[in-house]
Amino acid sequence: MIHTTTMAIIKAFANHFCNKFQSIQIDEDSARQLLNCDLKEVTNETNTSLEQPITMNELWITIVKGKPHKAPGHDGIGLQFCKRAWEIIKTELLQIVNRMNIEGMTMVRELQGLIVCIPKHSHPTDFDDYRPLTLMNTDYKIMRRIIATRLKPYLTEILHQNQFCGVQGNTVFETVAAIRDVIAHAEVTKKPLFVVSIDFSAAFDRISHEYLRKVLATPSFNE
């Protein structure tokens, strides 16, 4: 169906995303088994370190390292504003991110994002010709980056040794080298080997939020 009016186009996109991002059912037992596959628990010392209040220095470093001219979320406040008005807003901003991080006091609108559809090419004609980008509020993104930075040094303790993506110091070259060495070992030892390459289309869209909540609720991250 071809839509020509603004409201019809907006409604068509809204219906498309409502269907695309609707709740995904998961098998409880399968999810539980998957989460128990060689996930290690962090030590009490590590957990204590991760749960410390965000410091003013952490906040400032995160703001300085952030990419400029990124689109803001609902509140219209971008990272450049935080840099320019740092001396004025730093105390209140630190209170906001610590309120979200420690007390879990996050307003509904801070968890909501604006979906902007960017054309993948010059002549889009279908929904799949657009790339949806979700714009989140800057304070929420700052807190998220700080948590990610804190977690990076401990990922090697938690994840399996064969996990390369997202682990500090690892690159795609280590992945290629590991596959090459395994194939070479199988050829020398004459052992049977299966190499499986899987590429999921729109993988993140197919992850159940319920599964993600179970990941965050595992003892590895909470005890």
N, C-alpha and C. Protein backbone atom coordinates (compact mmCIF):
# COMPACT_ATOMS: atom_id res chain seq x y z
N MET A 1 0.84 -1.19 0.00
CA MET A 1 0.00 0.00 0.00
C MET A 1 0.88 1.25 0.00
N ILE A 2 0.52 2.23 -0.82
CA ILE A 2 1.27 3.48 -0.91
C ILE A 2 0.57 4.55 -0.06
N HIS A 3 1.32 5.19 0.84
CA HIS A 3 0.78 6.26 1.68
C HIS A 3 1.34 7.60 1.20
N THR A 4 0.50 8.59 1.12
CA THR A 4 0.92 9.88 0.58
C THR A 4 0.81 11.02 1.58
N THR A 5 0.03 10.86 2.65
CA THR A 5 -0.12 11.93 3.64
C THR A 5 0.81 11.67 4.83
N THR A 6 1.16 12.76 5.51
CA THR A 6 2.08 12.65 6.65
C THR A 6 1.51 11.74 7.74
N MET A 7 0.24 11.94 8.10
CA MET A 7 -0.35 11.15 9.17
C MET A 7 -0.44 9.67 8.79
N ALA A 8 -0.74 9.38 7.53
CA ALA A 8 -0.82 7.99 7.10
C ALA A 8 0.55 7.31 7.17
N ILE A 9 1.59 8.06 6.79
CA ILE A 9 2.95 7.52 6.84
C ILE A 9 3.37 7.27 8.28
N ILE A 10 3.08 8.24 9.17
CA ILE A 10 3.42 8.08 10.58
C ILE A 10 2.70 6.88 11.18
N LYS A 11 1.42 6.74 10.87
CA LYS A 11 0.64 5.62 11.39
C LYS A 11 1.19 4.29 10.88
N ALA A 12 1.57 4.25 9.60
CA ALA A 12 2.10 3.02 9.01
C ALA A 12 3.41 2.62 9.70
N PHE A 13 4.29 3.60 9.95
CA PHE A 13 5.54 3.31 10.63
C PHE A 13 5.29 2.87 12.08
N ALA A 14 4.34 3.53 12.75
CA ALA A 14 4.02 3.18 14.14
C ALA A 14 3.52 1.74 14.22
N ASN A 15 2.63 1.37 13.32
CA ASN A 15 2.12 -0.01 13.32
C ASN A 15 3.23 -1.01 13.02
N HIS A 16 4.12 -0.62 12.10
CA HIS A 16 5.23 -1.51 11.74
C HIS A 16 6.11 -1.80 12.95
N PHE A 17 6.48 -0.76 13.68
CA PHE A 17 7.37 -0.95 14.83
C PHE A 17 6.66 -1.61 16.01
N CYS A 18 5.37 -1.36 16.16
CA CYS A 18 4.61 -2.05 17.21
C CYS A 18 4.63 -3.56 16.97
N ASN A 19 4.48 -3.96 15.72
CA ASN A 19 4.52 -5.38 15.39
C ASN A 19 5.94 -5.94 15.48
N LYS A 20 6.90 -5.14 15.05
CA LYS A 20 8.28 -5.61 15.02
C LYS A 20 8.86 -5.80 16.41
N PHE A 21 8.53 -4.91 17.33
CA PHE A 21 9.12 -4.94 18.66
C PHE A 21 8.16 -5.44 19.73
N GLN A 22 7.17 -6.21 19.33
CA GLN A 22 6.26 -6.76 20.32
C GLN A 22 6.97 -7.82 21.15
N SER A 23 6.38 -8.17 22.28
CA SER A 23 7.00 -9.10 23.22
C SER A 23 7.31 -10.44 22.55
N ILE A 24 8.52 -10.94 22.80
CA ILE A 24 8.96 -12.23 22.25
C ILE A 24 8.93 -13.28 23.35
N GLN A 25 8.19 -14.33 23.14
CA GLN A 25 8.09 -15.39 24.14
C GLN A 25 9.36 -16.24 24.13
N ILE A 26 9.80 -16.67 25.30
CA ILE A 26 10.98 -17.52 25.40
C ILE A 26 10.66 -18.76 26.23
N ASP A 27 11.44 -19.80 26.03
CA ASP A 27 11.30 -21.01 26.82
C ASP A 27 12.10 -20.85 28.11
N GLU A 28 11.41 -20.88 29.25
CA GLU A 28 12.05 -20.60 30.53
C GLU A 28 13.20 -21.56 30.81
N ASP A 29 12.98 -22.85 30.59
CA ASP A 29 14.02 -23.85 30.90
C ASP A 29 15.24 -23.68 30.00
N SER A 30 15.00 -23.41 28.72
CA SER A 30 16.12 -23.22 27.79
C SER A 30 16.94 -21.99 28.17
N ALA A 31 16.27 -20.91 28.54
CA ALA A 31 16.97 -19.69 28.94
C ALA A 31 17.80 -19.94 30.19
N ARG A 32 17.23 -20.68 31.13
CA ARG A 32 17.94 -20.97 32.38
C ARG A 32 19.19 -21.81 32.11
N GLN A 33 19.06 -22.80 31.24
CA GLN A 33 20.22 -23.64 30.90
C GLN A 33 21.30 -22.83 30.19
N LEU A 34 20.88 -21.95 29.29
CA LEU A 34 21.85 -21.14 28.55
C LEU A 34 22.60 -20.20 29.49
N LEU A 35 21.91 -19.64 30.47
CA LEU A 35 22.54 -18.71 31.39
C LEU A 35 23.50 -19.41 32.36
N ASN A 36 23.36 -20.72 32.48
CA ASN A 36 24.24 -21.47 33.39
C ASN A 36 25.45 -22.05 32.67
N CYS A 37 25.64 -21.69 31.40
CA CYS A 37 26.76 -22.23 30.61
C CYS A 37 28.04 -21.48 30.90
N ASP A 38 28.77 -21.94 31.88
CA ASP A 38 30.13 -21.45 32.14
C ASP A 38 30.21 -19.96 32.46
N LEU A 39 29.14 -19.38 33.02
CA LEU A 39 29.22 -18.00 33.49
C LEU A 39 29.82 -18.01 34.89
N LYS A 40 30.83 -17.22 35.10
CA LYS A 40 31.50 -17.19 36.40
C LYS A 40 30.92 -16.07 37.26
N GLU A 41 30.93 -16.28 38.56
CA GLU A 41 30.47 -15.26 39.48
C GLU A 41 31.61 -14.29 39.79
N VAL A 42 31.29 -13.02 39.86
CA VAL A 42 32.31 -12.04 40.24
C VAL A 42 32.58 -12.14 41.73
N THR A 43 33.77 -11.77 42.14
CA THR A 43 34.12 -11.82 43.55
C THR A 43 33.41 -10.70 44.30
N ASN A 44 33.34 -10.85 45.62
CA ASN A 44 32.73 -9.81 46.45
C ASN A 44 33.49 -8.49 46.32
N GLU A 45 34.81 -8.58 46.18
CA GLU A 45 35.62 -7.38 46.03
C GLU A 45 35.29 -6.66 44.73
N THR A 46 35.15 -7.43 43.65
CA THR A 46 34.79 -6.85 42.36
C THR A 46 33.40 -6.24 42.42
N ASN A 47 32.47 -6.95 43.02
CA ASN A 47 31.10 -6.46 43.11
C ASN A 47 31.03 -5.16 43.89
N THR A 48 31.81 -5.08 44.97
CA THR A 48 31.84 -3.86 45.78
C THR A 48 32.39 -2.70 44.95
N SER A 49 33.42 -2.97 44.17
CA SER A 49 34.01 -1.93 43.34
C SER A 49 33.02 -1.43 42.29
N LEU A 50 32.27 -2.35 41.69
CA LEU A 50 31.30 -1.97 40.65
C LEU A 50 30.14 -1.16 41.20
N GLU A 51 29.82 -1.36 42.47
CA GLU A 51 28.66 -0.70 43.05
C GLU A 51 28.99 0.61 43.75
N GLN A 52 30.24 1.04 43.66
CA GLN A 52 30.61 2.32 44.28
C GLN A 52 29.89 3.48 43.59
N PRO A 53 29.58 4.55 44.33
CA PRO A 53 28.95 5.72 43.70
C PRO A 53 29.83 6.29 42.59
N ILE A 54 29.19 6.80 41.56
CA ILE A 54 29.92 7.43 40.46
C ILE A 54 30.60 8.70 40.97
N THR A 55 31.87 8.87 40.61
CA THR A 55 32.61 10.03 41.07
C THR A 55 32.54 11.17 40.06
N MET A 56 32.89 12.36 40.53
CA MET A 56 32.90 13.53 39.66
C MET A 56 33.91 13.34 38.53
N ASN A 57 35.04 12.70 38.83
CA ASN A 57 36.07 12.48 37.81
C ASN A 57 35.56 11.52 36.73
N GLU A 58 34.89 10.44 37.14
CA GLU A 58 34.32 9.50 36.17
C GLU A 58 33.33 10.20 35.26
N LEU A 59 32.51 11.04 35.85
CA LEU A 59 31.49 11.76 35.10
C LEU A 59 32.13 12.68 34.07
N TRP A 60 33.13 13.43 34.47
CA TRP A 60 33.77 14.38 33.57
C TRP A 60 34.51 13.66 32.44
N ILE A 61 35.24 12.59 32.76
CA ILE A 61 35.97 11.84 31.73
C ILE A 61 35.02 11.28 30.70
N THR A 62 33.88 10.77 31.15
CA THR A 62 32.88 10.20 30.23
C THR A 62 32.32 11.27 29.31
N ILE A 63 32.07 12.45 29.84
CA ILE A 63 31.54 13.55 29.03
C ILE A 63 32.57 14.02 28.01
N VAL A 64 33.82 14.14 28.43
CA VAL A 64 34.89 14.62 27.54
C VAL A 64 35.13 13.63 26.40
N LYS A 65 35.08 12.33 26.70
CA LYS A 65 35.34 11.30 25.69
C LYS A 65 34.16 11.06 24.77
N GLY A 66 32.99 11.59 25.11
CA GLY A 66 31.81 11.37 24.28
C GLY A 66 31.92 12.07 22.94
N LYS A 67 31.31 11.49 21.92
CA LYS A 67 31.35 12.08 20.58
C LYS A 67 30.49 13.34 20.54
N PRO A 68 31.02 14.43 19.98
CA PRO A 68 30.24 15.67 19.91
C PRO A 68 29.13 15.59 18.87
N HIS A 69 28.18 16.50 19.01
CA HIS A 69 27.10 16.68 18.03
C HIS A 69 26.21 15.44 17.89
N LYS A 70 26.11 14.64 18.95
CA LYS A 70 25.18 13.51 18.93
C LYS A 70 23.78 14.03 19.22
N ALA A 71 22.79 13.45 18.54
CA ALA A 71 21.41 13.91 18.70
C ALA A 71 20.91 13.61 20.12
N PRO A 72 20.20 14.56 20.74
CA PRO A 72 19.68 14.35 22.10
C PRO A 72 18.39 13.54 22.08
N GLY A 73 17.90 13.23 23.28
CA GLY A 73 16.65 12.50 23.42
C GLY A 73 15.48 13.43 23.66
N HIS A 74 14.53 12.97 24.52
CA HIS A 74 13.32 13.72 24.78
C HIS A 74 13.61 15.14 25.30
N ASP A 75 14.60 15.26 26.19
CA ASP A 75 14.82 16.54 26.87
C ASP A 75 15.53 17.57 26.00
N GLY A 76 16.07 17.17 24.84
CA GLY A 76 16.73 18.12 23.95
C GLY A 76 18.09 18.57 24.41
N ILE A 77 18.64 17.96 25.47
CA ILE A 77 19.95 18.34 26.01
C ILE A 77 21.01 17.42 25.43
N GLY A 78 21.97 18.00 24.71
CA GLY A 78 23.03 17.22 24.11
C GLY A 78 24.30 17.22 24.94
N LEU A 79 25.27 16.43 24.52
CA LEU A 79 26.52 16.31 25.26
C LEU A 79 27.31 17.61 25.24
N GLN A 80 27.20 18.38 24.16
CA GLN A 80 27.93 19.64 24.07
C GLN A 80 27.48 20.61 25.16
N PHE A 81 26.18 20.58 25.48
CA PHE A 81 25.68 21.43 26.56
C PHE A 81 26.34 21.05 27.89
N CYS A 82 26.47 19.74 28.14
CA CYS A 82 27.09 19.29 29.39
C CYS A 82 28.55 19.75 29.48
N LYS A 83 29.25 19.77 28.34
CA LYS A 83 30.63 20.22 28.33
C LYS A 83 30.73 21.72 28.61
N ARG A 84 29.89 22.48 27.91
CA ARG A 84 29.98 23.94 28.02
C ARG A 84 29.48 24.45 29.38
N ALA A 85 28.48 23.78 29.94
CA ALA A 85 27.89 24.24 31.20
C ALA A 85 28.36 23.41 32.40
N TRP A 86 29.51 22.73 32.24
CA TRP A 86 30.00 21.79 33.25
C TRP A 86 30.07 22.41 34.64
N GLU A 87 30.69 23.56 34.78
CA GLU A 87 30.88 24.17 36.10
C GLU A 87 29.55 24.53 36.76
N ILE A 88 28.53 24.74 35.95
CA ILE A 88 27.23 25.13 36.49
C ILE A 88 26.39 23.90 36.88
N ILE A 89 26.47 22.84 36.06
CA ILE A 89 25.55 21.71 36.25
C ILE A 89 26.19 20.47 36.87
N LYS A 90 27.51 20.48 37.10
CA LYS A 90 28.20 19.24 37.46
C LYS A 90 27.67 18.60 38.75
N THR A 91 27.36 19.40 39.76
CA THR A 91 26.88 18.83 41.03
C THR A 91 25.52 18.17 40.85
N GLU A 92 24.60 18.87 40.18
CA GLU A 92 23.27 18.31 39.96
C GLU A 92 23.31 17.10 39.04
N LEU A 93 24.16 17.15 38.00
CA LEU A 93 24.26 16.04 37.07
C LEU A 93 24.81 14.80 37.77
N LEU A 94 25.78 14.98 38.65
CA LEU A 94 26.32 13.85 39.41
C LEU A 94 25.24 13.24 40.30
N GLN A 95 24.42 14.08 40.89
CA GLN A 95 23.32 13.57 41.72
C GLN A 95 22.33 12.77 40.89
N ILE A 96 22.07 13.22 39.67
CA ILE A 96 21.11 12.54 38.80
C ILE A 96 21.60 11.15 38.41
N VAL A 97 22.86 11.06 37.95
CA VAL A 97 23.37 9.76 37.50
C VAL A 97 23.52 8.78 38.67
N ASN A 98 23.88 9.28 39.85
CA ASN A 98 23.98 8.40 41.02
C ASN A 98 22.60 7.98 41.51
N ARG A 99 21.63 8.85 41.34
CA ARG A 99 20.26 8.48 41.71
C ARG A 99 19.78 7.32 40.83
N MET A 100 20.11 7.39 39.54
CA MET A 100 19.72 6.32 38.63
C MET A 100 20.52 5.05 38.89
N ASN A 101 21.82 5.20 39.13
CA ASN A 101 22.71 4.05 39.26
C ASN A 101 22.55 3.32 40.59
N ILE A 102 22.49 4.04 41.69
CA ILE A 102 22.48 3.43 43.02
C ILE A 102 21.06 3.19 43.53
N GLU A 103 20.22 4.19 43.40
CA GLU A 103 18.88 4.10 43.96
C GLU A 103 17.87 3.53 42.98
N GLY A 104 18.25 3.44 41.70
CA GLY A 104 17.33 2.91 40.71
C GLY A 104 16.16 3.85 40.44
N MET A 105 16.32 5.12 40.79
CA MET A 105 15.25 6.09 40.60
C MET A 105 15.35 6.70 39.19
N THR A 106 14.79 6.00 38.25
CA THR A 106 14.81 6.45 36.86
C THR A 106 13.40 6.74 36.40
N MET A 107 13.17 7.96 35.93
CA MET A 107 11.84 8.32 35.45
C MET A 107 11.52 7.57 34.17
N VAL A 108 10.23 7.41 33.92
CA VAL A 108 9.78 6.67 32.75
C VAL A 108 10.32 7.29 31.47
N ARG A 109 10.32 8.61 31.39
CA ARG A 109 10.77 9.28 30.16
C ARG A 109 12.27 9.12 29.95
N GLU A 110 13.03 8.86 31.03
CA GLU A 110 14.47 8.63 30.88
C GLU A 110 14.74 7.26 30.25
N LEU A 111 13.77 6.35 30.35
CA LEU A 111 13.92 5.02 29.77
C LEU A 111 13.30 4.93 28.38
N GLN A 112 12.66 6.00 27.96
CA GLN A 112 12.03 6.02 26.65
C GLN A 112 12.93 6.73 25.64
N GLY A 113 12.89 6.27 24.40
CA GLY A 113 13.70 6.89 23.36
C GLY A 113 12.86 7.33 22.18
N LEU A 114 13.41 8.23 21.40
CA LEU A 114 12.77 8.69 20.18
C LEU A 114 13.33 7.88 19.01
N ILE A 115 12.48 7.19 18.28
CA ILE A 115 12.94 6.40 17.13
C ILE A 115 12.94 7.27 15.88
N VAL A 116 14.12 7.43 15.30
CA VAL A 116 14.28 8.20 14.07
C VAL A 116 14.69 7.24 12.96
N CYS A 117 13.99 7.28 11.84
CA CYS A 117 14.25 6.35 10.74
C CYS A 117 15.14 7.02 9.69
N ILE A 118 16.33 6.48 9.52
CA ILE A 118 17.30 7.02 8.57
C ILE A 118 17.30 6.15 7.31
N PRO A 119 17.10 6.76 6.12
CA PRO A 119 17.11 5.97 4.88
C PRO A 119 18.46 5.30 4.66
N LYS A 120 18.43 4.04 4.25
CA LYS A 120 19.65 3.31 3.96
C LYS A 120 20.22 3.67 2.59
N HIS A 121 19.36 4.16 1.70
CA HIS A 121 19.81 4.58 0.38
C HIS A 121 18.94 5.74 -0.10
N SER A 122 19.19 6.25 -1.26
CA SER A 122 18.56 7.48 -1.73
C SER A 122 17.09 7.33 -2.14
N HIS A 123 16.64 6.11 -2.39
CA HIS A 123 15.26 5.92 -2.85
C HIS A 123 14.55 4.83 -2.04
N PRO A 124 14.28 5.10 -0.76
CA PRO A 124 13.60 4.09 0.05
C PRO A 124 12.13 3.94 -0.35
N THR A 125 11.65 2.71 -0.38
CA THR A 125 10.25 2.46 -0.74
C THR A 125 9.56 1.54 0.26
N ASP A 126 10.33 0.96 1.18
CA ASP A 126 9.76 0.01 2.13
C ASP A 126 10.33 0.25 3.52
N PHE A 127 9.68 -0.32 4.54
CA PHE A 127 10.15 -0.14 5.92
C PHE A 127 11.58 -0.62 6.09
N ASP A 128 11.92 -1.72 5.44
CA ASP A 128 13.26 -2.28 5.58
C ASP A 128 14.33 -1.41 4.93
N ASP A 129 13.91 -0.40 4.18
CA ASP A 129 14.87 0.53 3.57
C ASP A 129 15.29 1.63 4.54
N TYR A 130 14.77 1.56 5.77
CA TYR A 130 15.11 2.56 6.79
C TYR A 130 15.81 1.88 7.96
N ARG A 131 16.76 2.60 8.53
CA ARG A 131 17.47 2.11 9.71
C ARG A 131 16.97 2.88 10.93
N PRO A 132 16.25 2.23 11.85
CA PRO A 132 15.74 2.93 13.02
C PRO A 132 16.83 3.19 14.05
N LEU A 133 16.97 4.43 14.49
CA LEU A 133 17.92 4.80 15.54
C LEU A 133 17.13 5.33 16.73
N THR A 134 17.44 4.84 17.92
CA THR A 134 16.73 5.28 19.12
C THR A 134 17.56 6.33 19.85
N LEU A 135 17.00 7.52 20.01
CA LEU A 135 17.69 8.63 20.68
C LEU A 135 17.29 8.63 22.15
N MET A 136 18.29 8.43 23.02
CA MET A 136 18.06 8.43 24.46
C MET A 136 18.55 9.73 25.08
N ASN A 137 18.04 10.05 26.26
CA ASN A 137 18.49 11.24 26.97
C ASN A 137 19.97 11.13 27.32
N THR A 138 20.66 12.26 27.30
CA THR A 138 22.10 12.28 27.50
C THR A 138 22.50 11.79 28.89
N ASP A 139 21.75 12.16 29.94
CA ASP A 139 22.12 11.73 31.29
C ASP A 139 22.08 10.21 31.41
N TYR A 140 21.08 9.59 30.78
CA TYR A 140 20.98 8.12 30.80
C TYR A 140 22.15 7.48 30.06
N LYS A 141 22.53 8.07 28.90
CA LYS A 141 23.65 7.53 28.13
C LYS A 141 24.96 7.69 28.87
N ILE A 142 25.12 8.79 29.59
CA ILE A 142 26.34 9.00 30.37
C ILE A 142 26.47 7.92 31.45
N MET A 143 25.38 7.67 32.17
CA MET A 143 25.40 6.65 33.22
C MET A 143 25.71 5.28 32.62
N ARG A 144 25.12 4.98 31.46
CA ARG A 144 25.33 3.69 30.80
C ARG A 144 26.79 3.51 30.40
N ARG A 145 27.42 4.59 29.89
CA ARG A 145 28.83 4.50 29.48
C ARG A 145 29.74 4.30 30.69
N ILE A 146 29.42 4.93 31.80
CA ILE A 146 30.23 4.77 33.01
C ILE A 146 30.17 3.32 33.49
N ILE A 147 28.98 2.73 33.50
CA ILE A 147 28.83 1.34 33.93
C ILE A 147 29.60 0.41 32.99
N ALA A 148 29.50 0.67 31.68
CA ALA A 148 30.22 -0.15 30.70
C ALA A 148 31.73 -0.06 30.91
N THR A 149 32.22 1.15 31.19
CA THR A 149 33.65 1.35 31.42
C THR A 149 34.11 0.60 32.66
N ARG A 150 33.27 0.59 33.70
CA ARG A 150 33.62 -0.14 34.92
C ARG A 150 33.65 -1.65 34.69
N LEU A 151 32.76 -2.14 33.85
CA LEU A 151 32.66 -3.58 33.62
C LEU A 151 33.79 -4.14 32.76
N LYS A 152 34.32 -3.32 31.84
CA LYS A 152 35.30 -3.80 30.86
C LYS A 152 36.46 -4.58 31.48
N PRO A 153 37.12 -4.07 32.54
CA PRO A 153 38.28 -4.80 33.08
C PRO A 153 37.93 -6.17 33.65
N TYR A 154 36.65 -6.42 33.97
CA TYR A 154 36.26 -7.67 34.63
C TYR A 154 35.63 -8.68 33.69
N LEU A 155 35.46 -8.31 32.42
CA LEU A 155 34.79 -9.21 31.49
C LEU A 155 35.56 -10.52 31.28
N THR A 156 36.89 -10.45 31.33
CA THR A 156 37.67 -11.66 31.16
C THR A 156 37.47 -12.63 32.32
N GLU A 157 37.07 -12.11 33.49
CA GLU A 157 36.80 -12.97 34.65
C GLU A 157 35.44 -13.65 34.52
N ILE A 158 34.50 -12.99 33.83
CA ILE A 158 33.12 -13.47 33.78
C ILE A 158 32.85 -14.34 32.56
N LEU A 159 33.34 -13.89 31.40
CA LEU A 159 33.01 -14.55 30.14
C LEU A 159 33.94 -15.72 29.84
N HIS A 160 33.49 -16.57 28.96
CA HIS A 160 34.30 -17.72 28.53
C HIS A 160 35.54 -17.22 27.81
N GLN A 161 36.63 -17.99 27.92
CA GLN A 161 37.91 -17.57 27.32
C GLN A 161 37.84 -17.46 25.80
N ASN A 162 36.88 -18.13 25.19
CA ASN A 162 36.74 -18.05 23.74
C ASN A 162 35.85 -16.90 23.28
N GLN A 163 35.38 -16.10 24.23
CA GLN A 163 34.59 -14.92 23.88
C GLN A 163 35.53 -13.79 23.47
N PHE A 164 35.39 -13.30 22.26
CA PHE A 164 36.28 -12.24 21.78
C PHE A 164 35.57 -10.89 21.72
N CYS A 165 34.35 -10.87 21.21
CA CYS A 165 33.64 -9.61 21.03
C CYS A 165 33.36 -8.93 22.37
N GLY A 166 33.68 -7.65 22.45
CA GLY A 166 33.36 -6.88 23.64
C GLY A 166 34.37 -6.99 24.77
N VAL A 167 35.36 -7.84 24.64
CA VAL A 167 36.37 -8.02 25.68
C VAL A 167 37.56 -7.12 25.39
N GLN A 168 37.95 -6.36 26.38
CA GLN A 168 39.02 -5.38 26.21
C GLN A 168 40.32 -6.06 25.78
N GLY A 169 40.96 -5.54 24.74
CA GLY A 169 42.22 -6.08 24.26
C GLY A 169 42.07 -7.08 23.13
N ASN A 170 40.85 -7.59 22.93
CA ASN A 170 40.61 -8.55 21.85
C ASN A 170 40.13 -7.83 20.60
N THR A 171 40.51 -8.37 19.46
CA THR A 171 40.06 -7.81 18.19
C THR A 171 39.57 -8.95 17.30
N VAL A 172 39.07 -8.60 16.14
CA VAL A 172 38.60 -9.61 15.19
C VAL A 172 39.76 -10.48 14.71
N PHE A 173 40.98 -9.98 14.79
CA PHE A 173 42.14 -10.74 14.34
C PHE A 173 42.38 -11.96 15.23
N GLU A 174 42.11 -11.82 16.55
CA GLU A 174 42.23 -12.98 17.44
C GLU A 174 41.21 -14.05 17.08
N THR A 175 40.01 -13.62 16.67
CA THR A 175 38.97 -14.57 16.27
C THR A 175 39.41 -15.34 15.04
N VAL A 176 39.90 -14.62 14.03
CA VAL A 176 40.37 -15.26 12.79
C VAL A 176 41.52 -16.21 13.09
N ALA A 177 42.45 -15.77 13.95
CA ALA A 177 43.61 -16.60 14.27
C ALA A 177 43.18 -17.88 15.00
N ALA A 178 42.19 -17.77 15.90
CA ALA A 178 41.71 -18.93 16.64
C ALA A 178 41.09 -19.96 15.69
N ILE A 179 40.26 -19.48 14.76
CA ILE A 179 39.63 -20.38 13.78
C ILE A 179 40.69 -21.04 12.90
N ARG A 180 41.67 -20.25 12.47
CA ARG A 180 42.76 -20.78 11.62
C ARG A 180 43.53 -21.87 12.35
N ASP A 181 43.84 -21.63 13.65
CA ASP A 181 44.62 -22.60 14.42
C ASP A 181 43.84 -23.89 14.65
N VAL A 182 42.54 -23.75 14.89
CA VAL A 182 41.71 -24.95 15.11
C VAL A 182 41.65 -25.80 13.85
N ILE A 183 41.48 -25.14 12.69
CA ILE A 183 41.46 -25.87 11.41
C ILE A 183 42.81 -26.56 11.16
N ALA A 184 43.89 -25.83 11.43
CA ALA A 184 45.23 -26.40 11.22
C ALA A 184 45.45 -27.60 12.14
N HIS A 185 45.00 -27.50 13.40
CA HIS A 185 45.15 -28.60 14.36
C HIS A 185 44.38 -29.83 13.88
N ALA A 186 43.15 -29.61 13.35
CA ALA A 186 42.33 -30.73 12.87
C ALA A 186 42.99 -31.40 11.67
N GLU A 187 43.62 -30.59 10.80
CA GLU A 187 44.28 -31.16 9.63
C GLU A 187 45.50 -32.00 10.02
N VAL A 188 46.26 -31.51 11.01
CA VAL A 188 47.47 -32.23 11.43
C VAL A 188 47.12 -33.51 12.17
N THR A 189 46.13 -33.45 13.05
CA THR A 189 45.77 -34.61 13.88
C THR A 189 44.77 -35.53 13.19
N LYS A 190 44.26 -35.12 12.02
CA LYS A 190 43.27 -35.91 11.27
C LYS A 190 41.98 -36.11 12.06
N LYS A 191 41.63 -35.12 12.87
CA LYS A 191 40.40 -35.20 13.64
C LYS A 191 39.26 -34.51 12.90
N PRO A 192 38.04 -35.05 12.99
CA PRO A 192 36.90 -34.41 12.32
C PRO A 192 36.60 -33.06 12.95
N LEU A 193 36.17 -32.15 12.12
CA LEU A 193 35.91 -30.79 12.60
C LEU A 193 34.73 -30.18 11.85
N PHE A 194 33.87 -29.48 12.59
CA PHE A 194 32.79 -28.70 11.99
C PHE A 194 33.02 -27.23 12.31
N VAL A 195 32.99 -26.39 11.30
CA VAL A 195 33.08 -24.94 11.49
C VAL A 195 31.75 -24.34 11.05
N VAL A 196 31.07 -23.70 11.97
CA VAL A 196 29.75 -23.14 11.70
C VAL A 196 29.81 -21.63 11.77
N SER A 197 29.39 -20.95 10.72
CA SER A 197 29.35 -19.49 10.69
C SER A 197 27.88 -19.04 10.61
N ILE A 198 27.46 -18.28 11.61
CA ILE A 198 26.06 -17.85 11.69
C ILE A 198 26.00 -16.33 11.68
N ASP A 199 25.19 -15.79 10.82
CA ASP A 199 24.99 -14.35 10.75
C ASP A 199 23.49 -14.07 10.88
N PHE A 200 23.09 -13.50 12.02
CA PHE A 200 21.68 -13.23 12.27
C PHE A 200 21.29 -11.88 11.68
N SER A 201 20.25 -11.86 10.90
CA SER A 201 19.72 -10.61 10.37
C SER A 201 18.92 -9.90 11.44
N ALA A 202 19.22 -8.60 11.66
CA ALA A 202 18.53 -7.81 12.70
C ALA A 202 18.53 -8.58 14.02
N ALA A 203 19.71 -9.02 14.45
CA ALA A 203 19.82 -9.89 15.63
C ALA A 203 19.24 -9.25 16.88
N PHE A 204 19.54 -7.97 17.11
CA PHE A 204 19.10 -7.33 18.35
C PHE A 204 17.57 -7.27 18.43
N ASP A 205 16.91 -7.11 17.28
CA ASP A 205 15.45 -7.05 17.26
C ASP A 205 14.82 -8.38 17.67
N ARG A 206 15.61 -9.45 17.61
CA ARG A 206 15.07 -10.78 17.88
C ARG A 206 15.44 -11.28 19.28
N ILE A 207 15.99 -10.40 20.11
CA ILE A 207 16.33 -10.76 21.49
C ILE A 207 15.17 -10.38 22.40
N SER A 208 14.69 -11.34 23.15
CA SER A 208 13.58 -11.08 24.06
C SER A 208 14.05 -10.22 25.23
N HIS A 209 13.29 -9.20 25.57
CA HIS A 209 13.61 -8.38 26.73
C HIS A 209 13.54 -9.19 28.02
N GLU A 210 12.67 -10.19 28.01
CA GLU A 210 12.55 -11.07 29.18
C GLU A 210 13.86 -11.83 29.39
N TYR A 211 14.48 -12.25 28.30
CA TYR A 211 15.77 -12.94 28.40
C TYR A 211 16.84 -11.99 28.96
N LEU A 212 16.85 -10.74 28.49
CA LEU A 212 17.82 -9.77 28.97
C LEU A 212 17.64 -9.51 30.46
N ARG A 213 16.38 -9.48 30.91
CA ARG A 213 16.13 -9.28 32.34
C ARG A 213 16.65 -10.46 33.14
N LYS A 214 16.56 -11.66 32.58
CA LYS A 214 17.07 -12.84 33.27
C LYS A 214 18.59 -12.80 33.34
N VAL A 215 19.24 -12.27 32.29
CA VAL A 215 20.69 -12.13 32.32
C VAL A 215 21.11 -11.23 33.47
N LEU A 216 20.41 -10.09 33.63
CA LEU A 216 20.75 -9.16 34.69
C LEU A 216 20.42 -9.70 36.07
N ALA A 217 19.54 -10.69 36.13
CA ALA A 217 19.13 -11.26 37.41
C ALA A 217 19.96 -12.45 37.83
N THR A 218 20.93 -12.88 37.01
CA THR A 218 21.75 -14.04 37.34
C THR A 218 22.69 -13.71 38.48
N PRO A 219 23.04 -14.71 39.32
CA PRO A 219 23.95 -14.48 40.45
C PRO A 219 25.29 -13.92 40.03
N SER A 220 25.72 -14.21 38.79
CA SER A 220 27.03 -13.73 38.33
C SER A 220 27.14 -12.22 38.41
N PHE A 221 26.00 -11.54 38.27
CA PHE A 221 26.05 -10.08 38.24
C PHE A 221 25.46 -9.44 39.49
N ASN A 222 24.66 -10.17 40.26
CA ASN A 222 23.95 -9.54 41.36
C ASN A 222 24.43 -9.94 42.74
N GLU A 223 24.99 -11.10 42.92
CA GLU A 223 25.36 -11.52 44.27
C GLU A 223 26.67 -10.88 44.71
